[in-house]
Amino acid sequence: MGVEKLVIKPGNGIDYPKKHDEVSMEYTGWLFDDDAPDHKGGQFDTSVGRGDLITPIGAGRVIKGWDEGILGSAEASPMTLGEKATLIITPDYAYGPR
């Protein structure tokens, strides 16, 4: 349970966020669908067209899956400036069971 990170575009490999750093991100949230070819079910939220989300990371202001997916964990390396990734987040690290 937790977070799996799939890197779509690597970042610069130099600048890594630290806990409480302000980060800027564009995101789209999808429900996981095991039967869909890309595992994307229904879209439930997006920042596209509204502007990036800017927030301190690791401060508990976003879901635990984002904190760990961006800052890194025992299972995944931290994201770096400019990186684009898909985070597959289990319900206990997101919004809970539905």
PDB file of N, CA and C in Angstrom:
ATOM      1  N   MET A   1       0.840  -1.169   0.000  1.00  0.00           N
ATOM      2  CA  MET A   1       0.000   0.000   0.000  1.00  0.00           C
ATOM      3  C   MET A   1       0.890   1.238   0.000  1.00  0.00           C
ATOM      4  N   GLY A   2       0.448   2.268  -0.657  1.00  0.00           N
ATOM      5  CA  GLY A   2       1.243   3.483  -0.700  1.00  0.00           C
ATOM      6  C   GLY A   2       1.225   4.136  -2.056  1.00  0.00           C
ATOM      7  N   VAL A   3       2.436   4.377  -2.577  1.00  0.00           N
ATOM      8  CA  VAL A   3       2.585   5.156  -3.804  1.00  0.00           C
ATOM      9  C   VAL A   3       3.538   4.451  -4.757  1.00  0.00           C
ATOM     10  N   GLU A   4       3.150   4.381  -6.015  1.00  0.00           N
ATOM     11  CA  GLU A   4       4.042   3.924  -7.081  1.00  0.00           C
ATOM     12  C   GLU A   4       4.214   5.098  -8.034  1.00  0.00           C
ATOM     13  N   LYS A   5       5.467   5.406  -8.377  1.00  0.00           N
ATOM     14  CA  LYS A   5       5.744   6.536  -9.272  1.00  0.00           C
ATOM     15  C   LYS A   5       6.228   6.013 -10.617  1.00  0.00           C
ATOM     16  N   LEU A   6       5.582   6.455 -11.686  1.00  0.00           N
ATOM     17  CA  LEU A   6       5.988   6.126 -13.048  1.00  0.00           C
ATOM     18  C   LEU A   6       6.470   7.412 -13.703  1.00  0.00           C
ATOM     19  N   VAL A   7       7.764   7.493 -13.976  1.00  0.00           N
ATOM     20  CA  VAL A   7       8.337   8.710 -14.552  1.00  0.00           C
ATOM     21  C   VAL A   7       7.976   8.792 -16.032  1.00  0.00           C
ATOM     22  N   ILE A   8       7.376   9.899 -16.418  1.00  0.00           N
ATOM     23  CA  ILE A   8       7.019  10.159 -17.811  1.00  0.00           C
ATOM     24  C   ILE A   8       8.122  10.981 -18.474  1.00  0.00           C
ATOM     25  N   LYS A   9       8.617  11.987 -17.756  1.00  0.00           N
ATOM     26  CA  LYS A   9       9.701  12.843 -18.249  1.00  0.00           C
ATOM     27  C   LYS A   9      10.613  13.143 -17.061  1.00  0.00           C
ATOM     28  N   PRO A  10      11.896  12.774 -17.150  1.00  0.00           N
ATOM     29  CA  PRO A  10      12.806  13.050 -16.036  1.00  0.00           C
ATOM     30  C   PRO A  10      12.981  14.549 -15.812  1.00  0.00           C
ATOM     31  N   GLY A  11      13.263  14.900 -14.581  1.00  0.00           N
ATOM     32  CA  GLY A  11      13.561  16.289 -14.246  1.00  0.00           C
ATOM     33  C   GLY A  11      15.039  16.572 -14.436  1.00  0.00           C
ATOM     34  N   ASN A  12      15.519  17.655 -13.814  1.00  0.00           N
ATOM     35  CA  ASN A  12      16.912  18.054 -14.024  1.00  0.00           C
ATOM     36  C   ASN A  12      17.905  17.219 -13.220  1.00  0.00           C
ATOM     37  N   GLY A  13      17.436  16.406 -12.279  1.00  0.00           N
ATOM     38  CA  GLY A  13      18.332  15.532 -11.520  1.00  0.00           C
ATOM     39  C   GLY A  13      19.199  16.251 -10.508  1.00  0.00           C
ATOM     40  N   ILE A  14      18.961  17.527 -10.300  1.00  0.00           N
ATOM     41  CA  ILE A  14      19.791  18.331  -9.390  1.00  0.00           C
ATOM     42  C   ILE A  14      18.959  18.914  -8.257  1.00  0.00           C
ATOM     43  N   ASP A  15      17.825  19.491  -8.595  1.00  0.00           N
ATOM     44  CA  ASP A  15      17.006  20.210  -7.615  1.00  0.00           C
ATOM     45  C   ASP A  15      15.891  19.314  -7.082  1.00  0.00           C
ATOM     46  N   TYR A  16      16.031  18.907  -5.814  1.00  0.00           N
ATOM     47  CA  TYR A  16      15.055  18.046  -5.151  1.00  0.00           C
ATOM     48  C   TYR A  16      14.325  18.835  -4.072  1.00  0.00           C
ATOM     49  N   PRO A  17      13.031  18.614  -3.915  1.00  0.00           N
ATOM     50  CA  PRO A  17      12.304  19.334  -2.868  1.00  0.00           C
ATOM     51  C   PRO A  17      12.643  18.793  -1.482  1.00  0.00           C
ATOM     52  N   LYS A  18      12.582  19.680  -0.516  1.00  0.00           N
ATOM     53  CA  LYS A  18      12.736  19.308   0.885  1.00  0.00           C
ATOM     54  C   LYS A  18      11.399  19.550   1.577  1.00  0.00           C
ATOM     55  N   LYS A  19      11.211  18.892   2.700  1.00  0.00           N
ATOM     56  CA  LYS A  19       9.971  19.040   3.457  1.00  0.00           C
ATOM     57  C   LYS A  19       9.699  20.518   3.717  1.00  0.00           C
ATOM     58  N   HIS A  20       8.488  20.935   3.458  1.00  0.00           N
ATOM     59  CA  HIS A  20       7.968  22.296   3.619  1.00  0.00           C
ATOM     60  C   HIS A  20       8.374  23.250   2.497  1.00  0.00           C
ATOM     61  N   ASP A  21       9.124  22.782   1.478  1.00  0.00           N
ATOM     62  CA  ASP A  21       9.371  23.616   0.302  1.00  0.00           C
ATOM     63  C   ASP A  21       8.048  23.833  -0.426  1.00  0.00           C
ATOM     64  N   GLU A  22       7.895  24.991  -1.037  1.00  0.00           N
ATOM     65  CA  GLU A  22       6.713  25.260  -1.844  1.00  0.00           C
ATOM     66  C   GLU A  22       6.932  24.644  -3.222  1.00  0.00           C
ATOM     67  N   VAL A  23       5.967  23.855  -3.671  1.00  0.00           N
ATOM     68  CA  VAL A  23       6.048  23.237  -4.992  1.00  0.00           C
ATOM     69  C   VAL A  23       4.861  23.691  -5.832  1.00  0.00           C
ATOM     70  N   SER A  24       5.054  23.639  -7.126  1.00  0.00           N
ATOM     71  CA  SER A  24       4.017  23.997  -8.086  1.00  0.00           C
ATOM     72  C   SER A  24       3.774  22.776  -8.962  1.00  0.00           C
ATOM     73  N   MET A  25       2.510  22.390  -9.115  1.00  0.00           N
ATOM     74  CA  MET A  25       2.220  21.204  -9.920  1.00  0.00           C
ATOM     75  C   MET A  25       0.897  21.333 -10.658  1.00  0.00           C
ATOM     76  N   GLU A  26       0.892  20.715 -11.826  1.00  0.00           N
ATOM     77  CA  GLU A  26      -0.337  20.546 -12.589  1.00  0.00           C
ATOM     78  C   GLU A  26      -0.736  19.091 -12.393  1.00  0.00           C
ATOM     79  N   TYR A  27      -2.002  18.833 -12.154  1.00  0.00           N
ATOM     80  CA  TYR A  27      -2.413  17.463 -11.867  1.00  0.00           C
ATOM     81  C   TYR A  27      -3.775  17.158 -12.464  1.00  0.00           C
ATOM     82  N   THR A  28      -4.019  15.874 -12.649  1.00  0.00           N
ATOM     83  CA  THR A  28      -5.340  15.355 -12.969  1.00  0.00           C
ATOM     84  C   THR A  28      -5.521  14.086 -12.153  1.00  0.00           C
ATOM     85  N   GLY A  29      -6.632  13.989 -11.446  1.00  0.00           N
ATOM     86  CA  GLY A  29      -6.925  12.811 -10.632  1.00  0.00           C
ATOM     87  C   GLY A  29      -7.914  11.896 -11.331  1.00  0.00           C
ATOM     88  N   TRP A  30      -7.546  10.612 -11.395  1.00  0.00           N
ATOM     89  CA  TRP A  30      -8.390   9.591 -12.009  1.00  0.00           C
ATOM     90  C   TRP A  30      -8.648   8.493 -10.988  1.00  0.00           C
ATOM     91  N   LEU A  31      -9.820   7.893 -11.035  1.00  0.00           N
ATOM     92  CA  LEU A  31     -10.076   6.694 -10.253  1.00  0.00           C
ATOM     93  C   LEU A  31      -9.373   5.526 -10.929  1.00  0.00           C
ATOM     94  N   PHE A  32      -8.847   4.600 -10.156  1.00  0.00           N
ATOM     95  CA  PHE A  32      -8.177   3.422 -10.704  1.00  0.00           C
ATOM     96  C   PHE A  32      -9.230   2.437 -11.192  1.00  0.00           C
ATOM     97  N   ASP A  33      -9.049   1.950 -12.413  1.00  0.00           N
ATOM     98  CA  ASP A  33      -9.958   0.956 -12.991  1.00  0.00           C
ATOM     99  C   ASP A  33      -9.122  -0.184 -13.534  1.00  0.00           C
ATOM    100  N   ASP A  34      -9.151  -1.312 -12.845  1.00  0.00           N
ATOM    101  CA  ASP A  34      -8.335  -2.464 -13.228  1.00  0.00           C
ATOM    102  C   ASP A  34      -8.697  -2.999 -14.610  1.00  0.00           C
ATOM    103  N   ASP A  35      -9.925  -2.749 -15.065  1.00  0.00           N
ATOM    104  CA  ASP A  35     -10.375  -3.271 -16.353  1.00  0.00           C
ATOM    105  C   ASP A  35     -10.034  -2.368 -17.535  1.00  0.00           C
ATOM    106  N   ALA A  36      -9.707  -1.113 -17.289  1.00  0.00           N
ATOM    107  CA  ALA A  36      -9.382  -0.186 -18.381  1.00  0.00           C
ATOM    108  C   ALA A  36      -7.953  -0.447 -18.864  1.00  0.00           C
ATOM    109  N   PRO A  37      -7.701  -0.321 -20.173  1.00  0.00           N
ATOM    110  CA  PRO A  37      -6.360  -0.585 -20.708  1.00  0.00           C
ATOM    111  C   PRO A  37      -5.268   0.252 -20.035  1.00  0.00           C
ATOM    112  N   ASP A  38      -5.555   1.495 -19.720  1.00  0.00           N
ATOM    113  CA  ASP A  38      -4.555   2.354 -19.069  1.00  0.00           C
ATOM    114  C   ASP A  38      -4.829   2.494 -17.567  1.00  0.00           C
ATOM    115  N   HIS A  39      -5.780   1.713 -17.058  1.00  0.00           N
ATOM    116  CA  HIS A  39      -6.198   1.700 -15.642  1.00  0.00           C
ATOM    117  C   HIS A  39      -6.837   3.009 -15.189  1.00  0.00           C
ATOM    118  N   LYS A  40      -7.180   3.880 -16.125  1.00  0.00           N
ATOM    119  CA  LYS A  40      -7.840   5.136 -15.773  1.00  0.00           C
ATOM    120  C   LYS A  40      -9.346   4.951 -15.822  1.00  0.00           C
ATOM    121  N   GLY A  41      -9.982   5.189 -14.686  1.00  0.00           N
ATOM    122  CA  GLY A  41     -11.439   5.196 -14.622  1.00  0.00           C
ATOM    123  C   GLY A  41     -11.915   6.613 -14.839  1.00  0.00           C
ATOM    124  N   GLY A  42     -12.861   7.042 -14.058  1.00  0.00           N
ATOM    125  CA  GLY A  42     -13.390   8.390 -14.197  1.00  0.00           C
ATOM    126  C   GLY A  42     -12.463   9.451 -13.633  1.00  0.00           C
ATOM    127  N   GLN A  43     -12.383  10.565 -14.323  1.00  0.00           N
ATOM    128  CA  GLN A  43     -11.611  11.712 -13.832  1.00  0.00           C
ATOM    129  C   GLN A  43     -12.420  12.394 -12.740  1.00  0.00           C
ATOM    130  N   PHE A  44     -11.780  12.701 -11.599  1.00  0.00           N
ATOM    131  CA  PHE A  44     -12.519  13.355 -10.523  1.00  0.00           C
ATOM    132  C   PHE A  44     -12.031  14.753 -10.198  1.00  0.00           C
ATOM    133  N   ASP A  45     -10.864  15.153 -10.702  1.00  0.00           N
ATOM    134  CA  ASP A  45     -10.373  16.511 -10.444  1.00  0.00           C
ATOM    135  C   ASP A  45      -9.226  16.812 -11.403  1.00  0.00           C
ATOM    136  N   THR A  46      -9.003  18.090 -11.669  1.00  0.00           N
ATOM    137  CA  THR A  46      -7.862  18.509 -12.482  1.00  0.00           C
ATOM    138  C   THR A  46      -7.557  19.980 -12.219  1.00  0.00           C
ATOM    139  N   SER A  47      -6.289  20.315 -12.360  1.00  0.00           N
ATOM    140  CA  SER A  47      -5.893  21.727 -12.276  1.00  0.00           C
ATOM    141  C   SER A  47      -5.738  22.330 -13.666  1.00  0.00           C
ATOM    142  N   VAL A  48      -5.819  21.492 -14.697  1.00  0.00           N
ATOM    143  CA  VAL A  48      -5.664  21.960 -16.074  1.00  0.00           C
ATOM    144  C   VAL A  48      -6.752  22.991 -16.365  1.00  0.00           C
ATOM    145  N   GLY A  49      -6.332  24.148 -16.839  1.00  0.00           N
ATOM    146  CA  GLY A  49      -7.259  25.229 -17.133  1.00  0.00           C
ATOM    147  C   GLY A  49      -7.536  26.134 -15.944  1.00  0.00           C
ATOM    148  N   ARG A  50      -7.099  25.719 -14.755  1.00  0.00           N
ATOM    149  CA  ARG A  50      -7.306  26.537 -13.550  1.00  0.00           C
ATOM    150  C   ARG A  50      -5.993  27.097 -13.018  1.00  0.00           C
ATOM    151  N   GLY A  51      -4.882  26.606 -13.529  1.00  0.00           N
ATOM    152  CA  GLY A  51      -3.577  27.024 -13.030  1.00  0.00           C
ATOM    153  C   GLY A  51      -3.000  25.988 -12.083  1.00  0.00           C
ATOM    154  N   ASP A  52      -1.692  26.021 -11.943  1.00  0.00           N
ATOM    155  CA  ASP A  52      -0.995  25.054 -11.103  1.00  0.00           C
ATOM    156  C   ASP A  52      -1.408  25.180  -9.640  1.00  0.00           C
ATOM    157  N   LEU A  53      -1.345  24.062  -8.946  1.00  0.00           N
ATOM    158  CA  LEU A  53      -1.512  24.048  -7.496  1.00  0.00           C
ATOM    159  C   LEU A  53      -0.157  24.395  -6.889  1.00  0.00           C
ATOM    160  N   ILE A  54      -0.120  25.374  -6.022  1.00  0.00           N
ATOM    161  CA  ILE A  54       1.113  25.765  -5.333  1.00  0.00           C
ATOM    162  C   ILE A  54       0.882  25.532  -3.848  1.00  0.00           C
ATOM    163  N   THR A  55       1.732  24.700  -3.235  1.00  0.00           N
ATOM    164  CA  THR A  55       1.536  24.317  -1.841  1.00  0.00           C
ATOM    165  C   THR A  55       2.852  23.878  -1.210  1.00  0.00           C
ATOM    166  N   PRO A  56       2.999  24.043   0.107  1.00  0.00           N
ATOM    167  CA  PRO A  56       4.166  23.458   0.761  1.00  0.00           C
ATOM    168  C   PRO A  56       4.000  21.934   0.787  1.00  0.00           C
ATOM    169  N   ILE A  57       5.046  21.218   0.451  1.00  0.00           N
ATOM    170  CA  ILE A  57       4.975  19.758   0.399  1.00  0.00           C
ATOM    171  C   ILE A  57       5.495  19.171   1.712  1.00  0.00           C
ATOM    172  N   GLY A  58       4.901  18.087   2.142  1.00  0.00           N
ATOM    173  CA  GLY A  58       5.310  17.449   3.387  1.00  0.00           C
ATOM    174  C   GLY A  58       4.767  18.135   4.620  1.00  0.00           C
ATOM    175  N   ALA A  59       3.824  19.039   4.437  1.00  0.00           N
ATOM    176  CA  ALA A  59       3.251  19.793   5.556  1.00  0.00           C
ATOM    177  C   ALA A  59       1.849  19.298   5.910  1.00  0.00           C
ATOM    178  N   GLY A  60       1.402  18.218   5.261  1.00  0.00           N
ATOM    179  CA  GLY A  60       0.080  17.682   5.544  1.00  0.00           C
ATOM    180  C   GLY A  60      -1.058  18.453   4.903  1.00  0.00           C
ATOM    181  N   ARG A  61      -0.764  19.285   3.924  1.00  0.00           N
ATOM    182  CA  ARG A  61      -1.820  20.071   3.264  1.00  0.00           C
ATOM    183  C   ARG A  61      -2.398  19.375   2.036  1.00  0.00           C
ATOM    184  N   VAL A  62      -1.721  18.328   1.584  1.00  0.00           N
ATOM    185  CA  VAL A  62      -2.213  17.535   0.455  1.00  0.00           C
ATOM    186  C   VAL A  62      -2.265  16.077   0.905  1.00  0.00           C
ATOM    187  N   ILE A  63      -2.782  15.209   0.070  1.00  0.00           N
ATOM    188  CA  ILE A  63      -2.870  13.799   0.445  1.00  0.00           C
ATOM    189  C   ILE A  63      -1.473  13.213   0.666  1.00  0.00           C
ATOM    190  N   LYS A  64      -1.413  12.219   1.532  1.00  0.00           N
ATOM    191  CA  LYS A  64      -0.143  11.572   1.886  1.00  0.00           C
ATOM    192  C   LYS A  64       0.576  11.036   0.641  1.00  0.00           C
ATOM    193  N   GLY A  65      -0.183  10.547  -0.334  1.00  0.00           N
ATOM    194  CA  GLY A  65       0.412  10.019  -1.562  1.00  0.00           C
ATOM    195  C   GLY A  65       1.186  11.067  -2.343  1.00  0.00           C
ATOM    196  N   TRP A  66       0.717  12.307  -2.338  1.00  0.00           N
ATOM    197  CA  TRP A  66       1.460  13.379  -3.005  1.00  0.00           C
ATOM    198  C   TRP A  66       2.721  13.712  -2.219  1.00  0.00           C
ATOM    199  N   ASP A  67       2.595  13.829  -0.893  1.00  0.00           N
ATOM    200  CA  ASP A  67       3.785  14.107  -0.080  1.00  0.00           C
ATOM    201  C   ASP A  67       4.870  13.072  -0.347  1.00  0.00           C
ATOM    202  N   GLU A  68       4.528  11.783  -0.275  1.00  0.00           N
ATOM    203  CA  GLU A  68       5.526  10.729  -0.476  1.00  0.00           C
ATOM    204  C   GLU A  68       5.957  10.613  -1.929  1.00  0.00           C
ATOM    205  N   GLY A  69       5.033  10.803  -2.860  1.00  0.00           N
ATOM    206  CA  GLY A  69       5.382  10.707  -4.270  1.00  0.00           C
ATOM    207  C   GLY A  69       6.348  11.794  -4.710  1.00  0.00           C
ATOM    208  N   ILE A  70       6.241  12.968  -4.120  1.00  0.00           N
ATOM    209  CA  ILE A  70       7.103  14.096  -4.483  1.00  0.00           C
ATOM    210  C   ILE A  70       8.391  14.105  -3.667  1.00  0.00           C
ATOM    211  N   LEU A  71       8.286  13.882  -2.356  1.00  0.00           N
ATOM    212  CA  LEU A  71       9.475  13.906  -1.493  1.00  0.00           C
ATOM    213  C   LEU A  71      10.264  12.603  -1.528  1.00  0.00           C
ATOM    214  N   GLY A  72       9.631  11.527  -1.981  1.00  0.00           N
ATOM    215  CA  GLY A  72      10.282  10.228  -2.008  1.00  0.00           C
ATOM    216  C   GLY A  72       9.973   9.435  -0.752  1.00  0.00           C
ATOM    217  N   SER A  73      10.284   8.149  -0.815  1.00  0.00           N
ATOM    218  CA  SER A  73      10.040   7.238   0.301  1.00  0.00           C
ATOM    219  C   SER A  73      11.030   6.087   0.182  1.00  0.00           C
ATOM    220  N   ALA A  74      10.889   5.104   1.038  1.00  0.00           N
ATOM    221  CA  ALA A  74      11.769   3.934   0.975  1.00  0.00           C
ATOM    222  C   ALA A  74      11.619   3.206  -0.362  1.00  0.00           C
ATOM    223  N   GLU A  75      10.434   3.294  -0.963  1.00  0.00           N
ATOM    224  CA  GLU A  75      10.162   2.586  -2.218  1.00  0.00           C
ATOM    225  C   GLU A  75      10.427   3.420  -3.470  1.00  0.00           C
ATOM    226  N   ALA A  76      10.475   4.733  -3.346  1.00  0.00           N
ATOM    227  CA  ALA A  76      10.578   5.583  -4.543  1.00  0.00           C
ATOM    228  C   ALA A  76      11.501   6.769  -4.301  1.00  0.00           C
ATOM    229  N   SER A  77      12.226   7.138  -5.335  1.00  0.00           N
ATOM    230  CA  SER A  77      13.103   8.310  -5.250  1.00  0.00           C
ATOM    231  C   SER A  77      12.257   9.582  -5.318  1.00  0.00           C
ATOM    232  N   PRO A  78      12.777  10.685  -4.784  1.00  0.00           N
ATOM    233  CA  PRO A  78      12.021  11.941  -4.852  1.00  0.00           C
ATOM    234  C   PRO A  78      11.947  12.463  -6.286  1.00  0.00           C
ATOM    235  N   MET A  79      10.944  13.273  -6.533  1.00  0.00           N
ATOM    236  CA  MET A  79      10.864  13.943  -7.825  1.00  0.00           C
ATOM    237  C   MET A  79      11.889  15.063  -7.843  1.00  0.00           C
ATOM    238  N   THR A  80      12.248  15.495  -9.031  1.00  0.00           N
ATOM    239  CA  THR A  80      13.200  16.576  -9.200  1.00  0.00           C
ATOM    240  C   THR A  80      12.585  17.639 -10.104  1.00  0.00           C
ATOM    241  N   LEU A  81      13.129  18.837 -10.057  1.00  0.00           N
ATOM    242  CA  LEU A  81      12.572  19.970 -10.785  1.00  0.00           C
ATOM    243  C   LEU A  81      12.341  19.634 -12.256  1.00  0.00           C
ATOM    244  N   GLY A  82      11.113  19.857 -12.724  1.00  0.00           N
ATOM    245  CA  GLY A  82      10.756  19.619 -14.118  1.00  0.00           C
ATOM    246  C   GLY A  82      10.267  18.214 -14.415  1.00  0.00           C
ATOM    247  N   GLU A  83      10.335  17.323 -13.440  1.00  0.00           N
ATOM    248  CA  GLU A  83       9.910  15.940 -13.665  1.00  0.00           C
ATOM    249  C   GLU A  83       8.398  15.869 -13.861  1.00  0.00           C
ATOM    250  N   LYS A  84       7.993  14.979 -14.766  1.00  0.00           N
ATOM    251  CA  LYS A  84       6.576  14.691 -14.963  1.00  0.00           C
ATOM    252  C   LYS A  84       6.392  13.212 -14.663  1.00  0.00           C
ATOM    253  N   ALA A  85       5.433  12.894 -13.799  1.00  0.00           N
ATOM    254  CA  ALA A  85       5.235  11.505 -13.390  1.00  0.00           C
ATOM    255  C   ALA A  85       3.766  11.219 -13.156  1.00  0.00           C
ATOM    256  N   THR A  86       3.441   9.947 -13.240  1.00  0.00           N
ATOM    257  CA  THR A  86       2.140   9.462 -12.818  1.00  0.00           C
ATOM    258  C   THR A  86       2.331   8.822 -11.459  1.00  0.00           C
ATOM    259  N   LEU A  87       1.515   9.213 -10.492  1.00  0.00           N
ATOM    260  CA  LEU A  87       1.539   8.604  -9.165  1.00  0.00           C
ATOM    261  C   LEU A  87       0.315   7.709  -9.036  1.00  0.00           C
ATOM    262  N   ILE A  88       0.553   6.435  -8.792  1.00  0.00           N
ATOM    263  CA  ILE A  88      -0.537   5.501  -8.528  1.00  0.00           C
ATOM    264  C   ILE A  88      -0.605   5.374  -7.013  1.00  0.00           C
ATOM    265  N   ILE A  89      -1.694   5.852  -6.446  1.00  0.00           N
ATOM    266  CA  ILE A  89      -1.811   6.008  -4.994  1.00  0.00           C
ATOM    267  C   ILE A  89      -2.948   5.135  -4.473  1.00  0.00           C
ATOM    268  N   THR A  90      -2.640   4.316  -3.476  1.00  0.00           N
ATOM    269  CA  THR A  90      -3.670   3.474  -2.874  1.00  0.00           C
ATOM    270  C   THR A  90      -4.625   4.337  -2.047  1.00  0.00           C
ATOM    271  N   PRO A  91      -5.862   3.873  -1.851  1.00  0.00           N
ATOM    272  CA  PRO A  91      -6.855   4.684  -1.134  1.00  0.00           C
ATOM    273  C   PRO A  91      -6.400   5.168   0.242  1.00  0.00           C
ATOM    274  N   ASP A  92      -5.638   4.344   0.973  1.00  0.00           N
ATOM    275  CA  ASP A  92      -5.213   4.753   2.314  1.00  0.00           C
ATOM    276  C   ASP A  92      -4.216   5.910   2.282  1.00  0.00           C
ATOM    277  N   TYR A  93      -3.615   6.184   1.134  1.00  0.00           N
ATOM    278  CA  TYR A  93      -2.700   7.318   0.973  1.00  0.00           C
ATOM    279  C   TYR A  93      -3.375   8.466   0.216  1.00  0.00           C
ATOM    280  N   ALA A  94      -4.666   8.292  -0.076  1.00  0.00           N
ATOM    281  CA  ALA A  94      -5.416   9.311  -0.822  1.00  0.00           C
ATOM    282  C   ALA A  94      -6.628   9.740   0.004  1.00  0.00           C
ATOM    283  N   TYR A  95      -7.811   9.374  -0.450  1.00  0.00           N
ATOM    284  CA  TYR A  95      -9.045   9.839   0.180  1.00  0.00           C
ATOM    285  C   TYR A  95      -9.811   8.738   0.897  1.00  0.00           C
ATOM    286  N   GLY A  96      -9.202   7.556   1.019  1.00  0.00           N
ATOM    287  CA  GLY A  96      -9.854   6.434   1.689  1.00  0.00           C
ATOM    288  C   GLY A  96     -10.713   5.627   0.726  1.00  0.00           C
ATOM    289  N   PRO A  97     -11.336   4.565   1.231  1.00  0.00           N
ATOM    290  CA  PRO A  97     -12.177   3.735   0.356  1.00  0.00           C
ATOM    291  C   PRO A  97     -13.418   4.511  -0.077  1.00  0.00           C
ATOM    292  N   ARG A  98     -13.937   4.138  -1.222  1.00  0.00           N
ATOM    293  CA  ARG A  98     -15.145   4.854  -1.656  1.00  0.00           C
ATOM    294  C   ARG A  98     -16.321   3.945  -1.653  1.00  0.00           C
TER     295      ARG A  98
END
